[in-house]
Each structure stands twice: as C-alpha cells, then as structure tokens.
PDB file of N, CA and C in Angstrom:
ATOM      1  N   MET A   1       9.927 -12.324 -39.621  1.00  0.00           N
ATOM      2  CA  MET A   1       8.844 -12.115 -38.644  1.00  0.00           C
ATOM      3  C   MET A   1       7.536 -12.081 -39.445  1.00  0.00           C
ATOM      4  N   THR A   2       6.569 -12.883 -38.946  1.00  0.00           N
ATOM      5  CA  THR A   2       5.359 -12.971 -39.652  1.00  0.00           C
ATOM      6  C   THR A   2       4.343 -11.880 -39.179  1.00  0.00           C
ATOM      7  N   ASP A   3       3.253 -11.808 -39.901  1.00  0.00           N
ATOM      8  CA  ASP A   3       2.221 -10.853 -39.522  1.00  0.00           C
ATOM      9  C   ASP A   3       1.563 -11.112 -38.168  1.00  0.00           C
ATOM     10  N   SER A   4       1.373 -12.414 -37.984  1.00  0.00           N
ATOM     11  CA  SER A   4       0.699 -12.762 -36.672  1.00  0.00           C
ATOM     12  C   SER A   4       1.619 -12.488 -35.507  1.00  0.00           C
ATOM     13  N   GLN A   5       2.952 -12.641 -35.642  1.00  0.00           N
ATOM     14  CA  GLN A   5       3.868 -12.321 -34.621  1.00  0.00           C
ATOM     15  C   GLN A   5       3.875 -10.823 -34.263  1.00  0.00           C
ATOM     16  N   VAL A   6       3.826  -9.988 -35.319  1.00  0.00           N
ATOM     17  CA  VAL A   6       3.770  -8.512 -35.135  1.00  0.00           C
ATOM     18  C   VAL A   6       2.458  -8.157 -34.432  1.00  0.00           C
ATOM     19  N   LEU A   7       1.343  -8.791 -34.832  1.00  0.00           N
ATOM     20  CA  LEU A   7       0.083  -8.477 -34.161  1.00  0.00           C
ATOM     21  C   LEU A   7       0.085  -8.997 -32.666  1.00  0.00           C
ATOM     22  N   ASP A   8       0.728 -10.076 -32.462  1.00  0.00           N
ATOM     23  CA  ASP A   8       0.844 -10.581 -31.014  1.00  0.00           C
ATOM     24  C   ASP A   8       1.548  -9.649 -30.178  1.00  0.00           C
ATOM     25  N   ILE A   9       2.677  -9.158 -30.656  1.00  0.00           N
ATOM     26  CA  ILE A   9       3.557  -8.204 -29.984  1.00  0.00           C
ATOM     27  C   ILE A   9       2.758  -6.884 -29.705  1.00  0.00           C
ATOM     28  N   ALA A  10       2.120  -6.385 -30.753  1.00  0.00           N
ATOM     29  CA  ALA A  10       1.314  -5.156 -30.650  1.00  0.00           C
ATOM     30  C   ALA A  10       0.141  -5.355 -29.649  1.00  0.00           C
ATOM     31  N   THR A  11      -0.547  -6.445 -29.656  1.00  0.00           N
ATOM     32  CA  THR A  11      -1.618  -6.790 -28.710  1.00  0.00           C
ATOM     33  C   THR A  11      -1.099  -6.813 -27.330  1.00  0.00           C
ATOM     34  N   ASP A  12       0.011  -7.517 -27.104  1.00  0.00           N
ATOM     35  CA  ASP A  12       0.590  -7.587 -25.770  1.00  0.00           C
ATOM     36  C   ASP A  12       1.084  -6.259 -25.243  1.00  0.00           C
ATOM     37  N   ALA A  13       1.590  -5.371 -26.124  1.00  0.00           N
ATOM     38  CA  ALA A  13       1.975  -4.115 -25.766  1.00  0.00           C
ATOM     39  C   ALA A  13       0.870  -3.188 -25.291  1.00  0.00           C
ATOM     40  N   ILE A  14      -0.228  -3.294 -26.089  1.00  0.00           N
ATOM     41  CA  ILE A  14      -1.461  -2.468 -25.775  1.00  0.00           C
ATOM     42  C   ILE A  14      -2.053  -2.992 -24.402  1.00  0.00           C
ATOM     43  N   LEU A  15      -2.076  -4.299 -24.236  1.00  0.00           N
ATOM     44  CA  LEU A  15      -2.617  -4.870 -23.013  1.00  0.00           C
ATOM     45  C   LEU A  15      -1.767  -4.463 -21.833  1.00  0.00           C
ATOM     46  N   MET A  16      -0.458  -4.452 -21.967  1.00  0.00           N
ATOM     47  CA  MET A  16       0.457  -4.015 -20.891  1.00  0.00           C
ATOM     48  C   MET A  16       0.203  -2.609 -20.565  1.00  0.00           C
ATOM     49  N   ALA A  17       0.172  -1.671 -21.603  1.00  0.00           N
ATOM     50  CA  ALA A  17      -0.064  -0.294 -21.350  1.00  0.00           C
ATOM     51  C   ALA A  17      -1.388  -0.076 -20.624  1.00  0.00           C
ATOM     52  N   THR A  18      -2.388  -0.886 -20.986  1.00  0.00           N
ATOM     53  CA  THR A  18      -3.703  -0.697 -20.315  1.00  0.00           C
ATOM     54  C   THR A  18      -3.669  -1.125 -18.876  1.00  0.00           C
ATOM     55  N   LYS A  19      -2.950  -2.299 -18.678  1.00  0.00           N
ATOM     56  CA  LYS A  19      -2.840  -2.841 -17.325  1.00  0.00           C
ATOM     57  C   LYS A  19      -2.038  -1.853 -16.403  1.00  0.00           C
ATOM     58  N   LEU A  20      -1.014  -1.151 -16.930  1.00  0.00           N
ATOM     59  CA  LEU A  20      -0.194  -0.254 -16.150  1.00  0.00           C
ATOM     60  C   LEU A  20      -0.915   1.097 -15.887  1.00  0.00           C
ATOM     61  N   ALA A  21      -1.609   1.551 -16.929  1.00  0.00           N
ATOM     62  CA  ALA A  21      -2.249   2.906 -16.780  1.00  0.00           C
ATOM     63  C   ALA A  21      -3.600   2.774 -16.028  1.00  0.00           C
ATOM     64  N   GLY A  22      -4.204   1.599 -16.066  1.00  0.00           N
ATOM     65  CA  GLY A  22      -5.566   1.443 -15.553  1.00  0.00           C
ATOM     66  C   GLY A  22      -5.690   1.919 -14.102  1.00  0.00           C
ATOM     67  N   PRO A  23      -4.884   1.447 -13.138  1.00  0.00           N
ATOM     68  CA  PRO A  23      -5.050   1.928 -11.746  1.00  0.00           C
ATOM     69  C   PRO A  23      -4.931   3.432 -11.497  1.00  0.00           C
ATOM     70  N   MET A  24      -4.038   4.064 -12.317  1.00  0.00           N
ATOM     71  CA  MET A  24      -3.861   5.473 -12.154  1.00  0.00           C
ATOM     72  C   MET A  24      -5.033   6.233 -12.743  1.00  0.00           C
ATOM     73  N   LEU A  25      -5.506   5.779 -13.931  1.00  0.00           N
ATOM     74  CA  LEU A  25      -6.632   6.404 -14.573  1.00  0.00           C
ATOM     75  C   LEU A  25      -7.895   6.275 -13.747  1.00  0.00           C
ATOM     76  N   LEU A  26      -8.137   5.087 -13.215  1.00  0.00           N
ATOM     77  CA  LEU A  26      -9.357   4.875 -12.342  1.00  0.00           C
ATOM     78  C   LEU A  26      -9.279   5.682 -11.093  1.00  0.00           C
ATOM     79  N   THR A  27      -8.029   5.878 -10.512  1.00  0.00           N
ATOM     80  CA  THR A  27      -7.900   6.695  -9.301  1.00  0.00           C
ATOM     81  C   THR A  27      -8.176   8.129  -9.685  1.00  0.00           C
ATOM     82  N   ALA A  28      -7.643   8.605 -10.778  1.00  0.00           N
ATOM     83  CA  ALA A  28      -7.847  10.058 -11.169  1.00  0.00           C
ATOM     84  C   ALA A  28      -9.334  10.297 -11.470  1.00  0.00           C
ATOM     85  N   LEU A  29      -9.984   9.324 -12.067  1.00  0.00           N
ATOM     86  CA  LEU A  29     -11.443   9.462 -12.393  1.00  0.00           C
ATOM     87  C   LEU A  29     -12.256   9.492 -11.121  1.00  0.00           C
ATOM     88  N   THR A  30     -11.998   8.545 -10.156  1.00  0.00           N
ATOM     89  CA  THR A  30     -12.716   8.482  -8.978  1.00  0.00           C
ATOM     90  C   THR A  30     -12.575   9.742  -8.121  1.00  0.00           C
ATOM     91  N   VAL A  31     -11.278  10.146  -7.959  1.00  0.00           N
ATOM     92  CA  VAL A  31     -11.007  11.348  -7.146  1.00  0.00           C
ATOM     93  C   VAL A  31     -11.651  12.598  -7.878  1.00  0.00           C
ATOM     94  N   GLY A  32     -11.532  12.659  -9.139  1.00  0.00           N
ATOM     95  CA  GLY A  32     -12.101  13.823  -9.876  1.00  0.00           C
ATOM     96  C   GLY A  32     -13.590  13.882  -9.700  1.00  0.00           C
ATOM     97  N   VAL A  33     -14.272  12.781  -9.851  1.00  0.00           N
ATOM     98  CA  VAL A  33     -15.770  12.827  -9.646  1.00  0.00           C
ATOM     99  C   VAL A  33     -16.109  13.233  -8.243  1.00  0.00           C
ATOM    100  N   ALA A  34     -15.400  12.631  -7.262  1.00  0.00           N
ATOM    101  CA  ALA A  34     -15.670  12.986  -5.788  1.00  0.00           C
ATOM    102  C   ALA A  34     -15.468  14.465  -5.579  1.00  0.00           C
ATOM    103  N   VAL A  35     -14.372  14.984  -6.084  1.00  0.00           N
ATOM    104  CA  VAL A  35     -14.103  16.429  -5.864  1.00  0.00           C
ATOM    105  C   VAL A  35     -15.063  17.262  -6.599  1.00  0.00           C
ATOM    106  N   SER A  36     -15.541  16.893  -7.844  1.00  0.00           N
ATOM    107  CA  SER A  36     -16.455  17.657  -8.542  1.00  0.00           C
ATOM    108  C   SER A  36     -17.830  17.611  -7.814  1.00  0.00           C
ATOM    109  N   LEU A  37     -18.169  16.515  -7.215  1.00  0.00           N
ATOM    110  CA  LEU A  37     -19.447  16.375  -6.510  1.00  0.00           C
ATOM    111  C   LEU A  37     -19.311  17.325  -5.277  1.00  0.00           C
ATOM    112  N   LEU A  38     -18.210  17.285  -4.559  1.00  0.00           N
ATOM    113  CA  LEU A  38     -17.988  18.193  -3.429  1.00  0.00           C
ATOM    114  C   LEU A  38     -18.096  19.666  -3.797  1.00  0.00           C
ATOM    115  N   GLN A  39     -17.491  20.008  -4.931  1.00  0.00           N
ATOM    116  CA  GLN A  39     -17.465  21.437  -5.446  1.00  0.00           C
ATOM    117  C   GLN A  39     -18.920  21.831  -5.788  1.00  0.00           C
ATOM    118  N   THR A  40     -19.688  20.907  -6.405  1.00  0.00           N
ATOM    119  CA  THR A  40     -21.031  21.224  -6.754  1.00  0.00           C
ATOM    120  C   THR A  40     -21.956  21.392  -5.491  1.00  0.00           C
ATOM    121  N   VAL A  41     -21.759  20.601  -4.571  1.00  0.00           N
ATOM    122  CA  VAL A  41     -22.571  20.719  -3.370  1.00  0.00           C
ATOM    123  C   VAL A  41     -22.217  21.912  -2.541  1.00  0.00           C
ATOM    124  N   THR A  42     -20.939  22.239  -2.366  1.00  0.00           N
ATOM    125  CA  THR A  42     -20.555  23.414  -1.631  1.00  0.00           C
ATOM    126  C   THR A  42     -20.379  24.709  -2.403  1.00  0.00           C
ATOM    127  N   GLN A  43     -20.452  24.632  -3.745  1.00  0.00           N
ATOM    128  CA  GLN A  43     -20.336  25.781  -4.652  1.00  0.00           C
ATOM    129  C   GLN A  43     -18.999  26.476  -4.546  1.00  0.00           C
ATOM    130  N   ILE A  44     -17.967  25.652  -4.150  1.00  0.00           N
ATOM    131  CA  ILE A  44     -16.639  26.136  -4.139  1.00  0.00           C
ATOM    132  C   ILE A  44     -15.914  25.830  -5.526  1.00  0.00           C
ATOM    133  N   GLN A  45     -15.543  26.789  -6.226  1.00  0.00           N
ATOM    134  CA  GLN A  45     -14.956  26.710  -7.539  1.00  0.00           C
ATOM    135  C   GLN A  45     -13.443  27.086  -7.479  1.00  0.00           C
ATOM    136  N   GLU A  46     -12.689  26.336  -6.822  1.00  0.00           N
ATOM    137  CA  GLU A  46     -11.228  26.579  -6.747  1.00  0.00           C
ATOM    138  C   GLU A  46     -10.520  25.551  -7.624  1.00  0.00           C
ATOM    139  N   MET A  47      -9.702  25.938  -8.482  1.00  0.00           N
ATOM    140  CA  MET A  47      -9.062  25.090  -9.493  1.00  0.00           C
ATOM    141  C   MET A  47      -8.009  24.062  -8.743  1.00  0.00           C
ATOM    142  N   THR A  48      -7.297  24.655  -7.736  1.00  0.00           N
ATOM    143  CA  THR A  48      -6.396  23.790  -7.005  1.00  0.00           C
ATOM    144  C   THR A  48      -7.086  22.679  -6.199  1.00  0.00           C
ATOM    145  N   LEU A  49      -8.317  22.902  -5.901  1.00  0.00           N
ATOM    146  CA  LEU A  49      -9.068  21.838  -5.126  1.00  0.00           C
ATOM    147  C   LEU A  49      -9.334  20.607  -6.001  1.00  0.00           C
ATOM    148  N   SER A  50      -9.324  20.725  -7.245  1.00  0.00           N
ATOM    149  CA  SER A  50      -9.426  19.562  -8.106  1.00  0.00           C
ATOM    150  C   SER A  50      -8.111  18.907  -8.450  1.00  0.00           C
ATOM    151  N   PHE A  51      -7.050  19.742  -8.506  1.00  0.00           N
ATOM    152  CA  PHE A  51      -5.677  19.178  -8.872  1.00  0.00           C
ATOM    153  C   PHE A  51      -4.989  18.495  -7.753  1.00  0.00           C
ATOM    154  N   VAL A  52      -4.952  19.080  -6.572  1.00  0.00           N
ATOM    155  CA  VAL A  52      -4.223  18.515  -5.524  1.00  0.00           C
ATOM    156  C   VAL A  52      -4.680  17.155  -4.989  1.00  0.00           C
ATOM    157  N   PRO A  53      -6.026  16.915  -4.837  1.00  0.00           N
ATOM    158  CA  PRO A  53      -6.434  15.579  -4.504  1.00  0.00           C
ATOM    159  C   PRO A  53      -6.016  14.494  -5.555  1.00  0.00           C
ATOM    160  N   LYS A  54      -6.173  14.904  -6.825  1.00  0.00           N
ATOM    161  CA  LYS A  54      -5.779  13.940  -7.911  1.00  0.00           C
ATOM    162  C   LYS A  54      -4.294  13.591  -7.822  1.00  0.00           C
ATOM    163  N   ALA A  55      -3.467  14.613  -7.599  1.00  0.00           N
ATOM    164  CA  ALA A  55      -2.031  14.398  -7.463  1.00  0.00           C
ATOM    165  C   ALA A  55      -1.711  13.496  -6.313  1.00  0.00           C
ATOM    166  N   VAL A  56      -2.403  13.712  -5.117  1.00  0.00           N
ATOM    167  CA  VAL A  56      -2.151  12.884  -3.953  1.00  0.00           C
ATOM    168  C   VAL A  56      -2.603  11.468  -4.245  1.00  0.00           C
ATOM    169  N   GLY A  57      -3.721  11.336  -4.857  1.00  0.00           N
ATOM    170  CA  GLY A  57      -4.276   9.972  -5.270  1.00  0.00           C
ATOM    171  C   GLY A  57      -3.315   9.237  -6.118  1.00  0.00           C
ATOM    172  N   LEU A  58      -2.773   9.938  -7.061  1.00  0.00           N
ATOM    173  CA  LEU A  58      -1.865   9.280  -8.005  1.00  0.00           C
ATOM    174  C   LEU A  58      -0.546   8.859  -7.302  1.00  0.00           C
ATOM    175  N   VAL A  59      -0.045   9.772  -6.418  1.00  0.00           N
ATOM    176  CA  VAL A  59       1.145   9.421  -5.692  1.00  0.00           C
ATOM    177  C   VAL A  59       0.872   8.188  -4.825  1.00  0.00           C
ATOM    178  N   LEU A  60      -0.311   8.059  -4.197  1.00  0.00           N
ATOM    179  CA  LEU A  60      -0.597   6.904  -3.359  1.00  0.00           C
ATOM    180  C   LEU A  60      -0.688   5.620  -4.205  1.00  0.00           C
ATOM    181  N   VAL A  61      -1.284   5.792  -5.394  1.00  0.00           N
ATOM    182  CA  VAL A  61      -1.292   4.556  -6.316  1.00  0.00           C
ATOM    183  C   VAL A  61       0.147   4.115  -6.652  1.00  0.00           C
ATOM    184  N   LEU A  62       0.997   5.069  -6.954  1.00  0.00           N
ATOM    185  CA  LEU A  62       2.391   4.788  -7.277  1.00  0.00           C
ATOM    186  C   LEU A  62       3.084   4.085  -6.084  1.00  0.00           C
ATOM    187  N   VAL A  63       2.830   4.611  -4.910  1.00  0.00           N
ATOM    188  CA  VAL A  63       3.437   4.084  -3.716  1.00  0.00           C
ATOM    189  C   VAL A  63       3.019   2.615  -3.503  1.00  0.00           C
ATOM    190  N   PHE A  64       1.733   2.378  -3.569  1.00  0.00           N
ATOM    191  CA  PHE A  64       1.200   0.997  -3.278  1.00  0.00           C
ATOM    192  C   PHE A  64       1.259   0.092  -4.418  1.00  0.00           C
ATOM    193  N   ALA A  65       1.092   0.589  -5.696  1.00  0.00           N
ATOM    194  CA  ALA A  65       1.097  -0.390  -6.786  1.00  0.00           C
ATOM    195  C   ALA A  65       2.327  -0.232  -7.665  1.00  0.00           C
ATOM    196  N   GLY A  66       3.229   0.635  -7.352  1.00  0.00           N
ATOM    197  CA  GLY A  66       4.482   0.875  -8.106  1.00  0.00           C
ATOM    198  C   GLY A  66       5.362  -0.316  -8.289  1.00  0.00           C
ATOM    199  N   HIS A  67       5.500  -1.121  -7.266  1.00  0.00           N
ATOM    200  CA  HIS A  67       6.271  -2.292  -7.300  1.00  0.00           C
ATOM    201  C   HIS A  67       5.652  -3.335  -8.210  1.00  0.00           C
ATOM    202  N   TRP A  68       4.343  -3.524  -8.182  1.00  0.00           N
ATOM    203  CA  TRP A  68       3.688  -4.448  -9.078  1.00  0.00           C
ATOM    204  C   TRP A  68       3.849  -3.903 -10.538  1.00  0.00           C
ATOM    205  N   MET A  69       3.721  -2.608 -10.796  1.00  0.00           N
ATOM    206  CA  MET A  69       3.824  -2.050 -12.071  1.00  0.00           C
ATOM    207  C   MET A  69       5.208  -2.315 -12.657  1.00  0.00           C
ATOM    208  N   VAL A  70       6.206  -1.992 -11.925  1.00  0.00           N
ATOM    209  CA  VAL A  70       7.611  -2.265 -12.362  1.00  0.00           C
ATOM    210  C   VAL A  70       7.818  -3.765 -12.638  1.00  0.00           C
ATOM    211  N   ARG A  71       7.382  -4.635 -11.795  1.00  0.00           N
ATOM    212  CA  ARG A  71       7.587  -6.071 -11.956  1.00  0.00           C
ATOM    213  C   ARG A  71       6.827  -6.536 -13.236  1.00  0.00           C
ATOM    214  N   GLU A  72       5.613  -6.005 -13.496  1.00  0.00           N
ATOM    215  CA  GLU A  72       4.936  -6.454 -14.676  1.00  0.00           C
ATOM    216  C   GLU A  72       5.712  -5.928 -15.935  1.00  0.00           C
ATOM    217  N   LEU A  73       6.257  -4.734 -15.906  1.00  0.00           N
ATOM    218  CA  LEU A  73       6.993  -4.199 -17.068  1.00  0.00           C
ATOM    219  C   LEU A  73       8.295  -4.914 -17.288  1.00  0.00           C
ATOM    220  N   VAL A  74       8.999  -5.292 -16.214  1.00  0.00           N
ATOM    221  CA  VAL A  74      10.164  -6.091 -16.354  1.00  0.00           C
ATOM    222  C   VAL A  74       9.925  -7.400 -16.900  1.00  0.00           C
ATOM    223  N   THR A  75       8.867  -8.065 -16.366  1.00  0.00           N
ATOM    224  CA  THR A  75       8.523  -9.369 -16.901  1.00  0.00           C
ATOM    225  C   THR A  75       8.213  -9.394 -18.367  1.00  0.00           C
ATOM    226  N   TYR A  76       7.439  -8.394 -18.792  1.00  0.00           N
ATOM    227  CA  TYR A  76       7.110  -8.254 -20.201  1.00  0.00           C
ATOM    228  C   TYR A  76       8.320  -7.992 -21.026  1.00  0.00           C
ATOM    229  N   SER A  77       9.221  -7.109 -20.559  1.00  0.00           N
ATOM    230  CA  SER A  77      10.429  -6.799 -21.307  1.00  0.00           C
ATOM    231  C   SER A  77      11.354  -8.023 -21.438  1.00  0.00           C
ATOM    232  N   GLU A  78      11.473  -8.768 -20.331  1.00  0.00           N
ATOM    233  CA  GLU A  78      12.324 -10.008 -20.354  1.00  0.00           C
ATOM    234  C   GLU A  78      11.717 -10.993 -21.356  1.00  0.00           C
ATOM    235  N   ARG A  79      10.400 -11.105 -21.365  1.00  0.00           N
ATOM    236  CA  ARG A  79       9.758 -12.089 -22.329  1.00  0.00           C
ATOM    237  C   ARG A  79       9.892 -11.676 -23.757  1.00  0.00           C
ATOM    238  N   LEU A  80       9.817 -10.327 -23.980  1.00  0.00           N
ATOM    239  CA  LEU A  80      10.027  -9.798 -25.329  1.00  0.00           C
ATOM    240  C   LEU A  80      11.448  -9.988 -25.842  1.00  0.00           C
ATOM    241  N   TRP A  81      12.422  -9.709 -24.936  1.00  0.00           N
ATOM    242  CA  TRP A  81      13.857  -9.909 -25.252  1.00  0.00           C
ATOM    243  C   TRP A  81      14.128 -11.402 -25.529  1.00  0.00           C
ATOM    244  N   ALA A  82      13.461 -12.326 -24.717  1.00  0.00           N
ATOM    245  CA  ALA A  82      13.778 -13.736 -24.930  1.00  0.00           C
ATOM    246  C   ALA A  82      13.132 -14.201 -26.205  1.00  0.00           C
ATOM    247  N   SER A  83      12.114 -13.522 -26.704  1.00  0.00           N
ATOM    248  CA  SER A  83      11.534 -14.041 -27.946  1.00  0.00           C
ATOM    249  C   SER A  83      12.198 -13.562 -29.200  1.00  0.00           C
ATOM    250  N   ILE A  84      13.207 -12.657 -29.091  1.00  0.00           N
ATOM    251  CA  ILE A  84      13.831 -12.119 -30.225  1.00  0.00           C
ATOM    252  C   ILE A  84      14.467 -13.221 -31.189  1.00  0.00           C
ATOM    253  N   PRO A  85      15.130 -14.247 -30.673  1.00  0.00           N
ATOM    254  CA  PRO A  85      15.645 -15.238 -31.526  1.00  0.00           C
ATOM    255  C   PRO A  85      14.659 -15.970 -32.368  1.00  0.00           C
ATOM    256  N   THR A  86      13.471 -16.190 -31.770  1.00  0.00           N
ATOM    257  CA  THR A  86      12.417 -16.851 -32.599  1.00  0.00           C
ATOM    258  C   THR A  86      11.829 -15.911 -33.600  1.00  0.00           C
ATOM    259  N   LEU A  87      11.865 -14.629 -33.341  1.00  0.00           N
ATOM    260  CA  LEU A  87      11.275 -13.683 -34.317  1.00  0.00           C
ATOM    261  C   LEU A  87      12.183 -13.478 -35.517  1.00  0.00           C
ATOM    262  N   VAL A  88      13.508 -13.403 -35.210  1.00  0.00           N
ATOM    263  CA  VAL A  88      14.457 -13.139 -36.336  1.00  0.00           C
ATOM    264  C   VAL A  88      14.582 -14.430 -37.234  1.00  0.00           C
ATOM    265  N   GLY A  89      14.613 -15.530 -36.559  1.00  0.00           N
ATOM    266  CA  GLY A  89      14.782 -16.791 -37.329  1.00  0.00           C
ATOM    267  C   GLY A  89      13.656 -17.185 -38.138  1.00  0.00           C
ATOM    268  N   GLY A  90      12.446 -16.774 -37.786  1.00  0.00           N
ATOM    269  CA  GLY A  90      11.253 -17.171 -38.607  1.00  0.00           C
ATOM    270  C   GLY A  90      10.956 -16.263 -39.701  1.00  0.00           C
TER     271      GLY A  90
END
C-alpha cells in the first residue's frame, strides 16, 4: 500500500465523518442558538430548556436523514472493502 493510497483512504474517511455528523451538528447549533436567544429574552435560566429541544431536534434529524446516513456509510464501506485487493497487491 502506497502513501497516496493511505492518504486517499484517510481523506475519504474524514469526509464521510464530516458528511454524516454535519446535519446533526448544524441542528444542535441552530436549536442551541435559538433556545439561548429565547432564554436571554425571557430571562429563564433552566438547564433542561436547552437540553430537551436539542435532543428532540437530533431525534428528528435521525428520523428524516437516518436512511440517507446509513446508505452513505454502507456505500463507503462497500467501496472500501472492494478496494482491498488493489491495496494489498500494490
């Protein structure tokens, strides 16, 4: 296995992790900012008020985007397994 093959695999893995984590992180960020803004305006400082909406948002992302996320991960895994003969032989 050459150095460029290792770097290609590492780059693809980082890209896949970013692609899969992106929707959840953006949802948590958006909900967190909205809840913080609401807490600032209303001066309600309840800890569960920031946790529960984030958890609900993440569950909704998993419900709506979970199928896509699993399909992307399976496609990446199949492609990685299929490339093993070319990696060992080179």
